[in-house]
Amino acid sequence: MSISIPSPQISSFANDDVESVNVVNATILAIMIFTVHKLMIQLTITVLF
């Protein structure tokens, strides 16, 4: 994905936005996976015992 932006300032701002969005998405994904994992463990324990 090569996006040619004439002004370097806009380009750096866009890169910062993309990086922060990626960090937020990764954090949300990690929290979701962690929550689902805990729920699955609790469900398994409840079913087994």
C-alpha atoms as a PDB file:
ATOM      1  CA  MET A   1       0.000   0.000   0.000  1.00  0.00           C
ATOM      2  CA  SER A   2       1.914   3.023  -1.243  1.00  0.00           C
ATOM      3  CA  ILE A   3       0.056   6.284  -0.619  1.00  0.00           C
ATOM      4  CA  SER A   4       1.785   9.331  -2.124  1.00  0.00           C
ATOM      5  CA  ILE A   5       1.053  12.416  -0.013  1.00  0.00           C
ATOM      6  CA  PRO A   6       2.639  15.696  -1.196  1.00  0.00           C
ATOM      7  CA  SER A   7       3.142  17.244   2.235  1.00  0.00           C
ATOM      8  CA  PRO A   8       5.498  15.394   4.636  1.00  0.00           C
ATOM      9  CA  GLN A   9       3.653  16.826   7.661  1.00  0.00           C
ATOM     10  CA  ILE A  10       0.351  15.246   6.593  1.00  0.00           C
ATOM     11  CA  SER A  11       2.182  11.998   5.910  1.00  0.00           C
ATOM     12  CA  SER A  12       3.731  11.885   9.399  1.00  0.00           C
ATOM     13  CA  PHE A  13       0.390  12.755  11.022  1.00  0.00           C
ATOM     14  CA  ALA A  14      -1.296   9.987   9.030  1.00  0.00           C
ATOM     15  CA  ASN A  15       1.373   7.503  10.098  1.00  0.00           C
ATOM     16  CA  ASP A  16       0.893   8.467  13.762  1.00  0.00           C
ATOM     17  CA  ASP A  17      -2.871   7.998  13.426  1.00  0.00           C
ATOM     18  CA  VAL A  18      -2.427   4.586  11.824  1.00  0.00           C
ATOM     19  CA  GLU A  19       0.012   3.488  14.530  1.00  0.00           C
ATOM     20  CA  SER A  20      -2.261   4.619  17.381  1.00  0.00           C
ATOM     21  CA  VAL A  21      -5.263   2.922  15.770  1.00  0.00           C
ATOM     22  CA  ASN A  22      -3.233  -0.281  15.403  1.00  0.00           C
ATOM     23  CA  VAL A  23      -2.243  -0.127  19.090  1.00  0.00           C
ATOM     24  CA  VAL A  24      -5.868   0.404  20.145  1.00  0.00           C
ATOM     25  CA  ASN A  25      -7.067  -2.454  17.933  1.00  0.00           C
ATOM     26  CA  ALA A  26      -4.368  -4.775  19.281  1.00  0.00           C
ATOM     27  CA  THR A  27      -5.294  -3.884  22.879  1.00  0.00           C
ATOM     28  CA  ILE A  28      -9.010  -4.454  22.266  1.00  0.00           C
ATOM     29  CA  LEU A  29      -8.228  -7.751  20.534  1.00  0.00           C
ATOM     30  CA  ALA A  30      -6.035  -8.892  23.436  1.00  0.00           C
ATOM     31  CA  ILE A  31      -8.730  -8.003  26.000  1.00  0.00           C
ATOM     32  CA  MET A  32     -11.390  -9.822  23.958  1.00  0.00           C
ATOM     33  CA  ILE A  33      -9.233 -12.944  23.601  1.00  0.00           C
ATOM     34  CA  PHE A  34      -8.394 -12.875  27.326  1.00  0.00           C
ATOM     35  CA  THR A  35     -12.081 -12.509  28.293  1.00  0.00           C
ATOM     36  CA  VAL A  36     -13.222 -15.278  25.956  1.00  0.00           C
ATOM     37  CA  HIS A  37     -10.423 -17.512  27.248  1.00  0.00           C
ATOM     38  CA  LYS A  38     -11.483 -16.964  30.884  1.00  0.00           C
ATOM     39  CA  LEU A  39     -15.136 -17.578  30.002  1.00  0.00           C
ATOM     40  CA  MET A  40     -14.234 -20.813  28.213  1.00  0.00           C
ATOM     41  CA  ILE A  41     -12.188 -22.004  31.206  1.00  0.00           C
ATOM     42  CA  GLN A  42     -15.056 -21.235  33.598  1.00  0.00           C
ATOM     43  CA  LEU A  43     -17.513 -22.986  31.265  1.00  0.00           C
ATOM     44  CA  THR A  44     -15.270 -26.055  31.041  1.00  0.00           C
ATOM     45  CA  ILE A  45     -14.867 -26.226  34.831  1.00  0.00           C
ATOM     46  CA  THR A  46     -18.639 -25.850  35.275  1.00  0.00           C
ATOM     47  CA  VAL A  47     -19.346 -28.636  32.780  1.00  0.00           C
ATOM     48  CA  LEU A  48     -16.692 -30.965  34.196  1.00  0.00           C
ATOM     49  CA  PHE A  49     -17.571 -30.515  37.861  1.00  0.00           C
END
